[in-house]
Amino acid sequence: MSDLSDSEWEVVKPWFPAPKGFGHQRTVDLREILNAIFYVQRK
């Protein structure tokens, strides 16, 4: 299984930058990006 559990996500979430209050809104889920990286890394 390559997806982060909720408890694992809570550990790593503070390392990601918070969305800024201006400019384009974030359209991607950083958790899903990290899940994809772990998936590719395990192959």
C-alpha atoms as a PDB file:
ATOM      1  CA  MET A   1       0.000   0.000   0.000  1.00  0.00           C
ATOM      2  CA  SER A   2       1.475   3.328  -1.005  1.00  0.00           C
ATOM      3  CA  ASP A   3      -1.054   5.806   0.383  1.00  0.00           C
ATOM      4  CA  LEU A   4      -0.268   7.705   3.538  1.00  0.00           C
ATOM      5  CA  SER A   5      -2.485   7.023   6.517  1.00  0.00           C
ATOM      6  CA  ASP A   6      -4.119   9.975   8.271  1.00  0.00           C
ATOM      7  CA  SER A   7      -1.617   9.775  11.125  1.00  0.00           C
ATOM      8  CA  GLU A   8       1.345   9.667   8.712  1.00  0.00           C
ATOM      9  CA  TRP A   9      -0.040  12.660   6.818  1.00  0.00           C
ATOM     10  CA  GLU A  10      -0.371  14.646  10.055  1.00  0.00           C
ATOM     11  CA  VAL A  11       3.357  14.080  10.673  1.00  0.00           C
ATOM     12  CA  VAL A  12       4.518  15.322   7.263  1.00  0.00           C
ATOM     13  CA  LYS A  13       1.866  18.013   6.603  1.00  0.00           C
ATOM     14  CA  PRO A  14       3.725  20.764   8.526  1.00  0.00           C
ATOM     15  CA  TRP A  15       6.666  20.435   6.100  1.00  0.00           C
ATOM     16  CA  PHE A  16       4.544  21.609   3.151  1.00  0.00           C
ATOM     17  CA  PRO A  17       3.980  25.325   2.585  1.00  0.00           C
ATOM     18  CA  ALA A  18       0.554  26.674   3.434  1.00  0.00           C
ATOM     19  CA  PRO A  19      -1.419  28.206   0.559  1.00  0.00           C
ATOM     20  CA  LYS A  20      -0.832  31.923   0.201  1.00  0.00           C
ATOM     21  CA  GLY A  21      -3.736  34.314   0.372  1.00  0.00           C
ATOM     22  CA  PHE A  22      -3.131  35.703  -3.108  1.00  0.00           C
ATOM     23  CA  GLY A  23      -2.502  34.523  -6.652  1.00  0.00           C
ATOM     24  CA  HIS A  24      -3.855  31.292  -8.081  1.00  0.00           C
ATOM     25  CA  GLN A  25      -5.403  28.883  -5.615  1.00  0.00           C
ATOM     26  CA  ARG A  26      -3.766  25.493  -5.244  1.00  0.00           C
ATOM     27  CA  THR A  27      -5.496  23.017  -7.530  1.00  0.00           C
ATOM     28  CA  VAL A  28      -3.622  19.882  -6.515  1.00  0.00           C
ATOM     29  CA  ASP A  29      -3.783  17.883  -3.312  1.00  0.00           C
ATOM     30  CA  LEU A  30      -0.265  17.724  -1.877  1.00  0.00           C
ATOM     31  CA  ARG A  31      -1.114  14.493  -0.102  1.00  0.00           C
ATOM     32  CA  GLU A  32      -1.926  12.865  -3.454  1.00  0.00           C
ATOM     33  CA  ILE A  33       1.334  14.163  -4.932  1.00  0.00           C
ATOM     34  CA  LEU A  34       3.257  12.594  -2.063  1.00  0.00           C
ATOM     35  CA  ASN A  35       1.313   9.336  -2.465  1.00  0.00           C
ATOM     36  CA  ALA A  36       2.271   9.286  -6.156  1.00  0.00           C
ATOM     37  CA  ILE A  37       5.947   9.851  -5.341  1.00  0.00           C
ATOM     38  CA  PHE A  38       5.910   6.959  -2.862  1.00  0.00           C
ATOM     39  CA  TYR A  39       4.135   4.753  -5.416  1.00  0.00           C
ATOM     40  CA  VAL A  40       6.758   5.389  -8.097  1.00  0.00           C
ATOM     41  CA  GLN A  41       9.597   5.044  -5.610  1.00  0.00           C
ATOM     42  CA  ARG A  42       8.377   1.579  -4.542  1.00  0.00           C
ATOM     43  CA  LYS A  43       8.244   0.240  -8.113  1.00  0.00           C
END
